Protein backbone atom coordinates (compact mmCIF):
# COMPACT_ATOMS: atom_id res chain seq x y z
CA MET A 1 -4.23 39.42 28.18
CA GLN A 2 -6.11 36.25 28.57
CA ILE A 3 -9.16 37.80 28.11
CA LEU A 4 -8.46 39.46 25.02
CA ILE A 5 -7.80 36.35 23.62
CA TYR A 6 -10.56 34.54 24.63
CA LEU A 7 -12.76 37.21 23.67
CA LEU A 8 -11.28 37.33 19.94
CA THR A 9 -11.53 33.50 20.01
CA LEU A 10 -15.63 33.82 20.79
CA VAL A 11 -16.06 36.47 18.03
CA GLY A 12 -13.79 35.13 15.68
CA SER A 13 -14.91 31.48 15.64
CA GLY A 14 -18.33 32.96 15.68
CA ALA A 15 -17.98 35.28 12.68
CA GLY A 16 -16.73 32.35 10.96
CA PHE A 17 -19.79 29.84 11.52
CA MET A 18 -21.80 32.76 10.94
CA THR A 19 -20.47 32.73 7.19
CA GLN A 20 -20.87 29.21 7.08
CA MET A 21 -24.74 29.18 7.98
CA LEU A 22 -25.16 32.30 5.73
CA VAL A 23 -24.21 31.00 2.64
CA SER A 24 -25.41 27.63 3.05
CA GLY A 25 -28.80 28.44 4.16
CA TYR A 26 -29.20 31.78 0.94
CA TRP A 27 -27.91 29.50 -1.44
CA THR A 28 -29.97 26.32 -0.24
CA SER A 29 -33.05 28.88 -0.51
CA ALA A 30 -32.08 30.46 -3.67
CA PHE A 31 -31.77 27.25 -5.99
CA SER A 32 -33.76 24.63 -3.68
CA GLU A 33 -30.91 22.02 -3.35
CA ASP A 34 -30.97 21.65 0.67
CA VAL A 35 -29.14 18.38 1.08
CA PHE A 36 -26.61 19.06 -1.23
CA TYR A 37 -25.22 22.64 -0.86
CA TYR A 38 -25.92 22.41 2.89
CA SER A 39 -23.15 19.21 2.86
CA VAL A 40 -21.14 20.52 0.41
CA ASN A 41 -20.45 23.38 2.06
CA LEU A 42 -19.94 22.27 5.51
CA ALA A 43 -17.35 19.66 4.20
CA THR A 44 -15.74 22.39 2.68
CA TYR A 45 -15.35 24.56 5.61
CA LEU A 46 -14.47 21.85 7.87
CA LEU A 47 -11.87 20.72 5.32
CA PHE A 48 -10.28 24.47 5.46
CA LEU A 49 -10.39 24.34 9.60
CA GLY A 50 -8.52 21.83 9.25
CA VAL A 51 -5.99 23.62 6.27
CA GLY A 52 -5.87 27.27 8.59
CA SER A 53 -5.11 25.15 11.60
CA TYR A 54 -1.89 23.57 9.62
CA LEU A 55 -0.77 26.66 7.98
CA SER A 56 -0.85 29.03 11.15
CA LYS A 57 2.63 27.63 11.66
CA LYS A 58 3.72 29.86 8.79
CA VAL A 59 2.59 32.69 10.46
CA THR A 60 6.49 33.01 12.14
CA GLN A 61 5.96 35.73 14.65
CA PRO A 62 2.19 35.99 16.03
CA SER A 63 0.75 39.27 17.70
CA LEU A 64 -2.20 39.89 19.27
CA ALA A 65 -2.65 42.32 16.70
CA PHE A 66 -2.52 40.12 13.99
CA LEU A 67 -5.14 37.84 15.64
CA ALA A 68 -7.44 40.69 15.96
CA GLY A 69 -6.88 41.47 12.25
CA ILE A 70 -8.00 37.87 11.45
CA VAL A 71 -10.95 38.19 13.22
CA LEU A 72 -11.85 41.51 11.76
CA VAL A 73 -11.54 39.96 8.40
CA LEU A 74 -13.79 37.14 9.11
CA ALA A 75 -16.42 39.52 10.45
CA SER A 76 -15.93 41.90 7.54
CA LEU A 77 -16.03 38.22 5.60
CA SER A 78 -19.51 37.69 7.29
CA GLY A 79 -21.33 40.98 6.40
CA SER A 80 -20.38 40.58 2.96
CA ALA A 81 -21.16 37.03 2.10
CA ILE A 82 -24.80 37.80 0.52
CA PRO A 83 -23.76 40.78 -0.70
CA ILE A 84 -20.75 38.43 -2.62
CA LEU A 85 -23.16 35.82 -3.49
CA ARG A 86 -25.85 37.97 -5.20
CA PHE A 87 -23.09 39.51 -7.30
CA GLY A 88 -21.77 36.25 -7.96
CA ILE A 89 -25.04 34.79 -9.22
CA LYS A 90 -25.72 38.24 -11.50
CA GLY A 91 -22.47 37.32 -13.11
CA TYR A 92 -22.42 33.34 -13.03
CA GLY A 93 -25.61 32.25 -11.93
CA ASN A 94 -25.62 28.59 -9.92
CA LEU A 95 -21.77 28.47 -9.84
CA ILE A 96 -21.38 26.54 -6.90
CA ILE A 97 -17.61 27.85 -7.05
CA VAL A 98 -18.94 31.21 -5.41
CA PRO A 99 -20.25 29.84 -2.26
CA LEU A 100 -17.19 27.25 -1.51
CA ALA A 101 -14.78 30.14 -2.44
CA LEU A 102 -16.43 31.69 0.67
CA MET A 103 -16.61 28.39 2.66
CA ALA A 104 -12.77 27.69 2.08
CA LEU A 105 -11.64 31.38 3.19
CA SER A 106 -13.71 31.89 6.06
CA GLY A 107 -12.94 28.17 7.21
CA LEU A 108 -8.97 29.19 6.82
CA LEU A 109 -8.80 31.86 8.63
CA CYS A 110 -11.14 30.65 11.67
CA GLY A 111 -9.19 27.82 11.74
CA MET A 112 -5.67 29.86 12.07
CA ILE A 113 -7.79 31.35 15.68
CA ILE A 114 -6.93 28.66 18.20
CA PRO A 115 -3.45 27.82 17.27
CA LEU A 116 -2.41 31.50 16.99
CA ALA A 117 -3.94 32.20 20.22
CA LEU A 118 -2.08 29.38 22.09
CA ARG A 119 1.40 30.35 20.54
CA ILE A 120 0.43 33.99 21.38
CA ALA A 121 -0.38 33.16 24.81
CA ASN A 122 2.93 30.81 25.06
CA ASP A 123 4.18 32.87 28.49
CA GLU A 124 0.08 32.79 29.90
CA LYS A 125 -0.13 30.26 31.90
CA LYS A 126 -3.66 30.89 32.73
CA VAL A 127 -4.78 30.22 29.07
CA SER A 128 -5.95 26.98 28.77
CA LEU A 129 -6.07 24.77 25.45
CA GLY A 130 -9.51 23.38 26.93
CA LEU A 131 -11.45 26.52 27.61
CA LEU A 132 -10.11 28.01 24.41
CA PHE A 133 -11.88 24.93 22.89
CA PHE A 134 -14.86 25.44 24.65
CA ILE A 135 -15.21 28.97 23.68
CA ASP A 136 -15.04 27.85 20.05
CA TYR A 137 -17.51 25.55 20.60
CA LEU A 138 -19.67 27.95 22.28
CA ALA A 139 -19.60 30.75 19.79
CA ALA A 140 -20.98 27.97 17.20
CA ILE A 141 -24.14 27.52 19.55
CA LEU A 142 -24.13 31.55 20.64
CA PHE A 143 -24.27 32.62 16.98
CA THR A 144 -26.53 29.90 15.92
CA LEU A 145 -29.32 31.02 18.43
CA ILE A 146 -28.59 35.01 17.67
CA PHE A 147 -29.09 34.11 14.10
CA THR A 148 -31.88 31.65 14.45
CA TYR A 149 -34.01 33.41 16.91
CA VAL A 150 -33.10 36.99 17.14
CA CYS A 151 -32.39 38.24 13.82
CA LEU A 152 -32.90 35.91 10.58
CA VAL A 153 -36.95 36.27 10.95
CA PRO A 154 -37.17 39.93 10.76
CA LEU A 155 -34.13 40.92 8.99
CA GLY A 156 -33.58 38.51 6.24
CA TYR A 157 -30.14 36.96 5.05
CA SER A 158 -28.57 40.60 3.94
CA LYS A 159 -29.39 42.18 6.80
CA THR A 160 -28.57 39.82 9.16
CA GLY A 161 -25.23 39.25 7.89
CA LEU A 162 -24.46 43.00 7.80
CA VAL A 163 -25.51 43.56 11.35
CA LEU A 164 -23.76 40.38 13.41
CA GLY A 165 -20.83 41.40 11.08
CA ILE A 166 -20.76 44.83 11.54
CA GLY A 167 -21.49 44.21 15.24
CA SER A 168 -18.46 41.37 15.44
CA SER A 169 -16.36 44.45 14.04
CA LEU A 170 -17.74 46.51 16.88
CA VAL A 171 -16.92 44.15 19.63
CA VAL A 172 -13.11 43.60 18.54
CA VAL A 173 -13.31 47.65 18.62
CA MET A 174 -14.26 48.19 21.95
CA ALA A 175 -12.13 45.25 23.28
CA LEU A 176 -9.05 46.86 21.81
CA LEU A 177 -9.72 50.71 22.90
CA PHE A 178 -8.44 49.11 26.51
CA ASN A 179 -4.82 48.31 25.05
CA ARG A 180 -3.36 51.38 23.20
CA GLU A 181 -0.87 49.59 21.80
CA TYR A 182 -2.70 47.99 18.88
CA GLN A 183 -5.29 50.90 18.25
CA LYS A 184 -3.11 52.75 15.56
CA LYS A 185 -2.08 49.24 13.51
CA LEU A 186 -5.86 48.06 13.72
CA PHE A 187 -7.74 51.79 13.43
CA GLY A 188 -7.96 51.34 9.26
CA LEU A 189 -8.57 47.73 9.21
CA ALA A 190 -11.49 48.10 11.85
CA ALA A 191 -12.78 51.01 9.50
CA ILE A 192 -12.67 48.94 6.61
CA SER A 193 -14.24 46.11 8.26
CA MET A 194 -17.09 47.72 8.73
CA ILE A 195 -17.58 49.98 5.85
CA LEU A 196 -17.25 47.45 3.24
CA PRO A 197 -20.44 45.19 4.27
CA LEU A 198 -22.39 48.49 4.08
CA ALA A 199 -21.11 49.49 0.64
CA ALA A 200 -21.54 45.73 -0.57
CA PHE A 201 -25.03 45.32 1.07
CA TYR A 202 -26.11 49.11 -0.64
CA PHE A 203 -24.77 48.04 -4.28
CA ALA A 204 -26.16 44.05 -4.14
CA GLN A 205 -29.61 45.67 -3.52
CA VAL A 206 -31.84 44.89 -6.60
CA HIS A 207 -35.35 46.26 -7.00
CA ILE A 208 -36.14 46.12 -10.50
CA ALA A 209 -38.45 43.36 -11.90
CA PRO A 210 -38.00 41.80 -15.40
CA ARG A 211 -41.55 40.90 -17.30
CA MET A 212 -42.44 37.59 -18.07
CA ASP A 213 -41.10 37.79 -21.52
CA ARG A 214 -38.12 39.34 -20.42
CA THR A 215 -38.72 42.29 -22.96
CA GLY A 216 -38.79 45.05 -20.69
CA VAL A 217 -39.16 45.76 -17.09
CA ALA A 218 -42.17 45.28 -14.60
CA GLU A 219 -43.71 47.01 -12.13
CA LEU A 220 -42.83 45.97 -8.35
CA ILE A 221 -45.97 46.31 -6.34
CA LEU A 222 -45.18 44.05 -3.57
CA ASN A 223 -42.13 42.95 -1.88
CA GLU A 224 -42.10 41.03 1.68
CA GLN A 225 -39.78 38.35 2.92
CA SER A 226 -41.20 36.35 5.51
CA HIS A 227 -39.78 33.62 7.76
CA TYR A 228 -40.60 31.08 5.11
CA GLN A 229 -40.25 32.54 1.47
CA LYS A 230 -39.54 35.84 -0.23
CA ILE A 231 -43.21 37.08 -1.85
CA LEU A 232 -43.42 39.53 -4.75
CA MET A 233 -46.04 40.79 -7.05
CA THR A 234 -45.15 42.48 -10.27
CA GLU A 235 -47.63 44.36 -12.26
CA GLU A 236 -47.22 44.14 -16.41
CA ASN A 237 -49.30 46.40 -19.07
CA LYS A 238 -49.81 44.07 -21.82
CA VAL A 239 -52.28 43.86 -24.69
CA SER A 240 -55.42 41.30 -24.79
CA GLU A 241 -56.76 39.39 -27.62
CA ASN A 242 -59.22 41.84 -28.56
CA GLY A 243 -56.74 44.57 -28.45
CA THR A 244 -57.77 46.02 -25.03
CA PRO A 245 -55.22 47.27 -22.71
CA ILE A 246 -54.98 45.16 -19.47
CA LYS A 247 -52.47 44.45 -16.37
CA GLU A 248 -51.46 41.28 -15.54
CA ARG A 249 -50.36 40.84 -11.88
CA LEU A 250 -47.97 37.98 -10.93
CA LEU A 251 -47.60 36.83 -7.41
CA PHE A 252 -44.39 34.91 -6.92
CA LEU A 253 -42.84 32.88 -3.64
CA ASP A 254 -39.13 32.12 -3.69
CA GLY A 255 -38.91 33.15 -7.54
CA PHE A 256 -41.41 30.36 -8.39
CA ILE A 257 -45.39 31.73 -9.82
CA GLN A 258 -47.79 31.19 -7.33
CA PHE A 259 -50.25 32.52 -10.02
CA SER A 260 -50.86 35.00 -12.71
CA SER A 261 -53.84 37.20 -12.72
CA GLU A 262 -54.74 35.89 -15.94
CA THR A 263 -55.10 32.71 -15.89
CA GLU A 264 -55.28 31.98 -12.00
CA GLU A 265 -59.40 31.36 -11.86
CA ASN A 266 -58.44 28.11 -15.08
CA TYR A 267 -55.99 26.90 -12.05
CA HIS A 268 -58.12 27.24 -8.72
CA LEU A 269 -61.32 26.14 -11.00
CA CYS A 270 -59.35 22.46 -11.36
CA ILE A 271 -58.56 22.62 -7.99
CA ALA A 272 -61.39 23.51 -6.26
CA ASP A 273 -64.66 23.43 -8.75
CA ILE A 274 -63.61 19.80 -10.29
CA PRO A 275 -63.67 17.65 -6.78
CA LEU A 276 -67.18 19.90 -5.98
CA LEU A 277 -68.61 18.99 -9.38
CA ALA A 278 -67.28 15.23 -9.04
CA ALA A 279 -69.21 15.13 -5.64
CA SER A 280 -72.08 16.99 -7.04
CA VAL A 281 -72.05 14.28 -9.68
CA GLU A 282 -71.88 11.78 -7.39
CA LYS A 283 -75.04 13.32 -5.11
CA ILE A 284 -72.75 13.41 -2.38
CA PRO A 285 -73.15 16.65 -0.21
CA VAL A 286 -69.77 18.69 0.79
CA LYS A 287 -70.53 20.18 4.03
CA THR A 288 -67.16 20.72 5.19
CA ALA A 289 -63.92 21.26 3.07
CA LEU A 290 -59.94 20.87 4.89
CA VAL A 291 -57.62 23.29 2.31
CA LEU A 292 -53.87 22.65 3.32
CA GLY A 293 -52.14 25.44 2.13
CA GLY A 294 -53.72 28.17 -0.55
CA GLY A 295 -52.57 31.10 1.81
CA ASP A 296 -53.68 33.35 -1.16
CA GLY A 297 -56.95 32.12 -0.13
CA LEU A 298 -58.53 31.93 -4.11
CA ALA A 299 -58.90 28.12 -3.52
CA VAL A 300 -61.42 29.35 -0.26
CA ARG A 301 -62.84 31.79 -2.64
CA ASN A 302 -63.97 29.23 -5.04
CA LEU A 303 -65.24 26.64 -2.33
CA LEU A 304 -67.12 29.59 -1.08
CA LYS A 305 -69.51 29.54 -3.93
CA SER A 306 -71.03 26.61 -3.41
CA GLN A 307 -74.06 26.99 -1.14
CA GLN A 308 -73.76 23.43 0.46
CA ILE A 309 -70.69 24.28 2.24
CA GLU A 310 -70.91 25.12 5.71
CA LYS A 311 -67.09 25.46 6.84
CA ILE A 312 -64.05 25.68 5.27
CA THR A 313 -60.77 24.88 7.36
CA LEU A 314 -57.83 26.23 5.97
CA VAL A 315 -54.45 25.41 7.12
CA GLU A 316 -51.55 27.63 5.82
CA LEU A 317 -47.81 27.85 7.43
CA ASP A 318 -46.62 31.36 6.52
CA PRO A 319 -48.59 33.95 8.77
CA VAL A 320 -47.17 36.83 6.39
CA MET A 321 -48.58 35.46 3.50
CA ILE A 322 -52.43 35.68 5.53
CA ARG A 323 -51.85 38.97 6.72
CA LEU A 324 -51.23 39.90 3.39
CA SER A 325 -53.90 38.02 2.15
CA ARG A 326 -56.33 39.16 4.62
CA GLU A 327 -54.70 43.37 3.87
CA ASN A 328 -53.30 43.99 0.43
CA PRO A 329 -55.74 45.62 -1.37
CA ILE A 330 -55.28 43.33 -4.55
CA LEU A 331 -54.89 40.36 -3.28
CA ARG A 332 -58.32 41.15 -1.44
CA GLY A 333 -59.29 41.60 -4.68
CA TYR A 334 -58.49 38.61 -6.02
CA ASN A 335 -59.86 36.19 -3.24
CA LYS A 336 -63.02 38.20 -2.48
CA ASP A 337 -62.13 38.39 1.03
CA SER A 338 -62.56 34.70 1.37
CA LEU A 339 -60.11 34.61 4.35
CA SER A 340 -62.46 36.94 6.04
CA HIS A 341 -65.78 34.81 5.63
CA PRO A 342 -67.46 34.00 8.65
CA LYS A 343 -67.72 29.96 7.19
CA VAL A 344 -63.68 30.42 7.09
CA GLU A 345 -61.83 29.12 9.65
CA VAL A 346 -57.83 29.77 9.32
CA ILE A 347 -55.01 27.90 11.20
CA VAL A 348 -51.75 29.36 11.38
CA ALA A 349 -49.20 25.98 11.78
CA ASP A 350 -47.44 23.95 9.90
CA ALA A 351 -49.77 21.44 7.47
CA PHE A 352 -47.28 17.97 8.38
CA ARG A 353 -47.42 18.59 11.87
CA TRP A 354 -51.22 19.65 12.23
CA VAL A 355 -52.18 16.24 9.55
CA MET A 356 -50.45 14.50 12.60
CA GLU A 357 -52.09 16.01 15.10
CA GLN A 358 -55.64 15.15 14.04
CA TYR A 359 -54.70 11.89 12.45
CA ARG A 360 -53.86 10.88 16.14
CA LYS A 361 -56.91 12.30 17.98
CA PRO A 362 -59.43 12.22 15.14
CA ARG A 363 -61.91 15.43 16.09
CA ASN A 364 -63.48 16.26 12.30
CA LYS A 365 -64.28 14.46 8.84
CA TYR A 366 -63.95 16.66 5.75
CA ASP A 367 -66.45 16.35 2.55
CA LEU A 368 -63.75 17.89 0.39
CA ILE A 369 -60.01 18.38 0.93
CA VAL A 370 -57.68 20.45 -1.16
CA ILE A 371 -54.09 19.89 -1.13
CA ASP A 372 -52.62 23.29 -2.67
CA PHE A 373 -48.63 23.12 -2.07
CA PRO A 374 -45.92 24.83 -3.91
CA TRP A 375 -43.90 22.20 -5.91
CA PRO A 376 -41.62 20.11 -3.92
CA LYS A 377 -38.68 21.66 -4.98
CA ASN A 378 -36.91 20.71 -1.59
CA LEU A 379 -36.82 17.85 0.91
CA THR A 380 -39.15 20.32 3.25
CA LEU A 381 -42.12 20.41 0.96
CA ALA A 382 -41.52 16.94 -0.49
CA ARG A 383 -42.86 15.19 2.50
CA LEU A 384 -46.02 17.22 1.90
CA PHE A 385 -46.06 14.68 -1.02
CA SER A 386 -45.43 11.49 1.08
CA ALA A 387 -47.10 8.30 1.40
CA GLU A 388 -47.45 8.48 5.05
CA PHE A 389 -48.74 12.61 4.76
CA TYR A 390 -51.54 10.98 2.64
CA ARG A 391 -52.25 8.27 4.83
CA ALA A 392 -53.03 10.44 7.79
CA THR A 393 -54.48 13.31 5.41
CA PHE A 394 -57.18 10.54 4.54
CA GLN A 395 -58.04 9.18 7.56
CA LEU A 396 -59.79 13.02 7.42
CA LEU A 397 -61.95 12.75 4.80
CA SER A 398 -65.59 11.51 5.04
CA GLU A 399 -66.17 7.96 3.77
CA LYS A 400 -67.20 9.25 0.09
CA GLY A 401 -65.39 12.36 0.10
CA PHE A 402 -62.92 13.59 -2.73
CA VAL A 403 -59.56 14.82 -2.22
CA THR A 404 -57.66 17.21 -5.27
CA ILE A 405 -53.80 17.67 -4.95
CA GLN A 406 -51.70 20.35 -7.05
CA ALA A 407 -49.56 17.47 -8.22
CA GLY A 408 -46.56 19.72 -10.14
CA PRO A 409 -45.99 20.25 -13.80
CA SER A 410 -48.02 18.04 -15.91
CA TYR A 411 -46.03 16.91 -18.66
CA LEU A 412 -42.87 14.95 -19.39
CA ARG A 413 -40.54 17.86 -20.97
CA GLU A 414 -38.82 15.30 -22.64
CA ASP A 415 -42.29 14.54 -24.68
CA PRO A 416 -43.28 17.11 -27.08
CA SER A 417 -46.48 15.12 -27.59
CA ARG A 418 -47.71 15.93 -23.98
CA THR A 419 -48.59 12.48 -23.79
CA THR A 420 -46.50 11.58 -21.14
CA LEU A 421 -46.86 12.77 -17.55
CA SER A 422 -44.54 14.31 -15.55
CA LYS A 423 -42.00 11.85 -13.11
CA ILE A 424 -43.45 14.46 -10.82
CA SER A 425 -46.93 14.10 -11.45
CA ALA A 426 -46.53 10.15 -11.80
CA SER A 427 -45.09 10.09 -8.58
CA ILE A 428 -47.60 11.81 -6.54
CA LEU A 429 -50.50 9.61 -8.60
CA ASN A 430 -48.76 6.49 -7.50
CA THR A 431 -48.35 7.60 -4.01
CA VAL A 432 -52.11 8.53 -3.27
CA ARG A 433 -53.14 5.21 -5.05
CA SER A 434 -50.58 3.54 -2.67
CA VAL A 435 -52.55 4.44 0.56
CA GLY A 436 -55.57 3.07 -1.11
CA LEU A 437 -57.48 5.95 -2.81
CA LYS A 438 -58.95 5.10 -6.42
CA ALA A 439 -57.17 8.48 -7.71
CA PHE A 440 -57.24 10.16 -11.27
CA PRO A 441 -54.69 12.60 -13.21
CA TYR A 442 -55.97 15.72 -15.02
CA VAL A 443 -54.09 18.86 -15.90
CA SER A 444 -54.43 22.84 -16.70
CA PRO A 445 -53.43 23.10 -20.23
CA GLU A 446 -53.20 26.77 -19.62
CA GLU A 447 -51.03 26.87 -16.50
CA ARG A 448 -49.38 23.52 -17.45
CA GLU A 449 -50.21 21.86 -14.02
CA ALA A 450 -51.10 18.85 -12.95
CA PHE A 451 -53.60 17.58 -10.47
CA VAL A 452 -54.90 14.43 -8.58
CA MET A 453 -58.33 13.62 -7.60
CA GLY A 454 -58.92 11.04 -5.51
CA THR A 455 -61.47 9.41 -3.28
CA LYS A 456 -62.88 6.77 -1.06
CA ASN A 457 -65.74 6.19 -3.14
CA SER A 458 -65.13 2.73 -4.96
CA SER A 459 -67.99 3.39 -7.78
CA PHE A 460 -66.40 6.26 -9.06
CA ASP A 461 -66.04 6.61 -12.65
CA MET A 462 -63.92 9.16 -14.01
CA GLU A 463 -64.54 7.98 -17.44
CA LYS A 464 -68.08 9.08 -17.29
CA PHE A 465 -67.36 11.80 -15.07
CA SER A 466 -64.97 13.47 -17.58
CA GLN A 467 -67.63 13.00 -20.42
CA LYS A 468 -70.50 14.22 -18.24
CA VAL A 469 -68.37 17.38 -17.13
CA SER A 470 -67.13 17.66 -20.54
CA ILE A 471 -63.45 17.33 -19.50
CA PHE A 472 -62.52 14.82 -21.67
CA GLY A 473 -59.48 15.13 -24.18
CA ASN A 474 -61.88 17.06 -27.18
CA GLY A 475 -64.49 18.25 -24.46
CA VAL A 476 -65.57 21.91 -24.12
CA LEU A 477 -64.07 22.47 -21.05
CA SER A 478 -61.02 20.94 -22.04
CA VAL A 479 -59.38 23.78 -22.66
CA LEU A 480 -59.53 24.59 -18.95
CA CYS A 481 -59.19 21.12 -17.43
CA ARG A 482 -58.15 17.90 -19.20
CA TYR A 483 -58.29 14.44 -18.20
CA ASP A 484 -56.98 11.71 -20.44
CA SER A 485 -57.48 8.03 -19.74
CA GLY A 486 -54.09 7.37 -22.41
CA TRP A 487 -51.44 9.77 -20.90
CA GLN A 488 -48.79 7.33 -20.36
CA MET A 489 -46.91 7.15 -17.06
CA PRO A 490 -43.26 6.99 -16.50
CA GLU A 491 -41.41 4.99 -14.45
CA VAL A 492 -40.90 6.40 -10.70
CA LYS A 493 -41.24 5.49 -7.61
CA ILE A 494 -43.74 6.02 -4.48
CA ASN A 495 -42.83 8.89 -2.37
CA THR A 496 -42.33 7.76 0.95
CA LEU A 497 -40.29 9.90 4.15
CA ASN A 498 -37.67 7.05 3.84
CA THR A 499 -36.72 7.86 0.09
CA LEU A 500 -38.56 11.05 -0.93
CA PRO A 501 -37.69 10.36 -4.68
CA VAL A 502 -40.00 13.11 -5.79
CA SER A 503 -37.63 15.93 -4.95
CA ARG A 504 -34.96 14.13 -7.43
CA TYR A 505 -37.64 14.19 -9.94
CA MET A 506 -38.34 18.32 -8.82
CA TYR A 507 -34.36 18.43 -8.79
CA ASP A 508 -33.97 16.99 -12.25
CA TRP A 509 -36.91 19.19 -14.06
CA ASN A 510 -35.84 22.35 -12.40
CA ARG A 511 -32.60 22.02 -13.66
CA ALA A 512 -33.55 21.25 -17.09
CA ASN A 513 -35.91 24.57 -17.02
CA ARG A 514 -33.54 26.90 -14.90
CA ASP A 515 -33.40 29.85 -17.53
CA ARG A 516 -37.31 29.45 -17.53
CA LEU A 517 -37.53 29.28 -13.57
CA TYR A 518 -34.95 31.13 -11.74
CA PHE A 519 -35.03 34.76 -13.31
CA TYR A 520 -31.81 35.70 -11.47
CA ARG A 521 -29.33 36.94 -13.65
CA GLY A 522 -28.87 40.76 -14.10
CA ASN A 523 -32.08 42.44 -12.41
CA HIS A 524 -33.67 39.14 -12.11
CA LEU A 525 -31.75 39.19 -8.56
CA ILE A 526 -35.28 40.94 -7.41
CA PHE A 527 -36.33 36.84 -6.97
CA LEU A 528 -33.36 36.01 -4.59
CA PRO A 529 -34.12 35.81 -0.74
CA ASP A 530 -33.45 38.87 1.07
């Protein structure tokens, strides 16, 4: 009997802890508020562990069947947690009561396990309180390792919860097969604990993508979940201004638009061609270029147009994005097979770590650096916009080289006149200046994206450059990229690793634009992580 008690403790504690990891990770991935959700969810789970332990005394006649029933309910909850979250988001959006309710129920049930196990095993001298607690902690590390290194990467959140939930139920059932006294009592509950997650998983899958204007349904032509992000591409039928039917394709990363086939050329002209023009005007040859991020290959495509460039190094975190950019016929059509070009070296690595390694042991200098990361919507991304990262990156820049940075949304939402930069772009601009570079903002009016261009060249005059290439206020090219020395700057802080205020600015901007950015309600659930 003591072996069965230890086994139920292991599985039950593991299933409860698994629910906490699934819910916290999934909600964070969906809404990009990592510290807040992890902290609140974990605190709720720990609180209700105590509540469950206290309430266990209300069970007057605990039995092994009762304990096994609790473990089966926990296993079922673990397997159904992600579908429950998806249904909750579909009906109520970002309502935190949904994940907190799951945390409370999971913690409540899990907290009852050890007190009940001790009371059930009261006559078993070999059942040790110390060993029970050790098994409880062992379950946490064991399920964490399985979750992180075995299941999450190939399966994603939904399938990981399903596999581990049903697997936990099967372990309990197999253990009870050796004890006929409990087979009949728990047969129905065991069946429900496996059928319920399967049914919830099936009904929670949504594969219908909305059009950008939400007037209908777009065709989903790419749907992959990598370890780092959900990668989607949709296709919409539209009519151009001259009445010609066109197909607009949109690539989404974790629910945010990475590019639109109708406007991406504008964006990549700003981030890649403008610094090339600046170098050309200053008569500085660009022979080597470094691209950080930009795994779609579109920035590299533009850089390859320059006959001067001899080598381009691309550092991208997500190998799935690299594979798609090299193999997917649609993406290859846009990037012109840039990532397979002989001048291009692709390095699959965390850009933060890679840059820091290069900084400690400098090997190469680059005439142009393009930093093309997603918006700093969480703390992990915000560190890629920090002063420390920029300082290390700019050490790799040649003496008179140029750097461009994708700097988030262009204008302050509260200023309809569009004369004030957003707090995100203003913070990034000030952060670049804080580490010693001359830096200037400019925007893509079509994409409403801001960019920061910096250089070590003290003689570079952005005002003269913008006039020469016609990107000043009313210049010919200002509809594509626009610079205005008269933009207002909101009061912001420099983004450092100690504080990362840009993540707070991005968080506030996201909240103000929630309905436009997070297409989760109803069929928009397609944008949720898998």
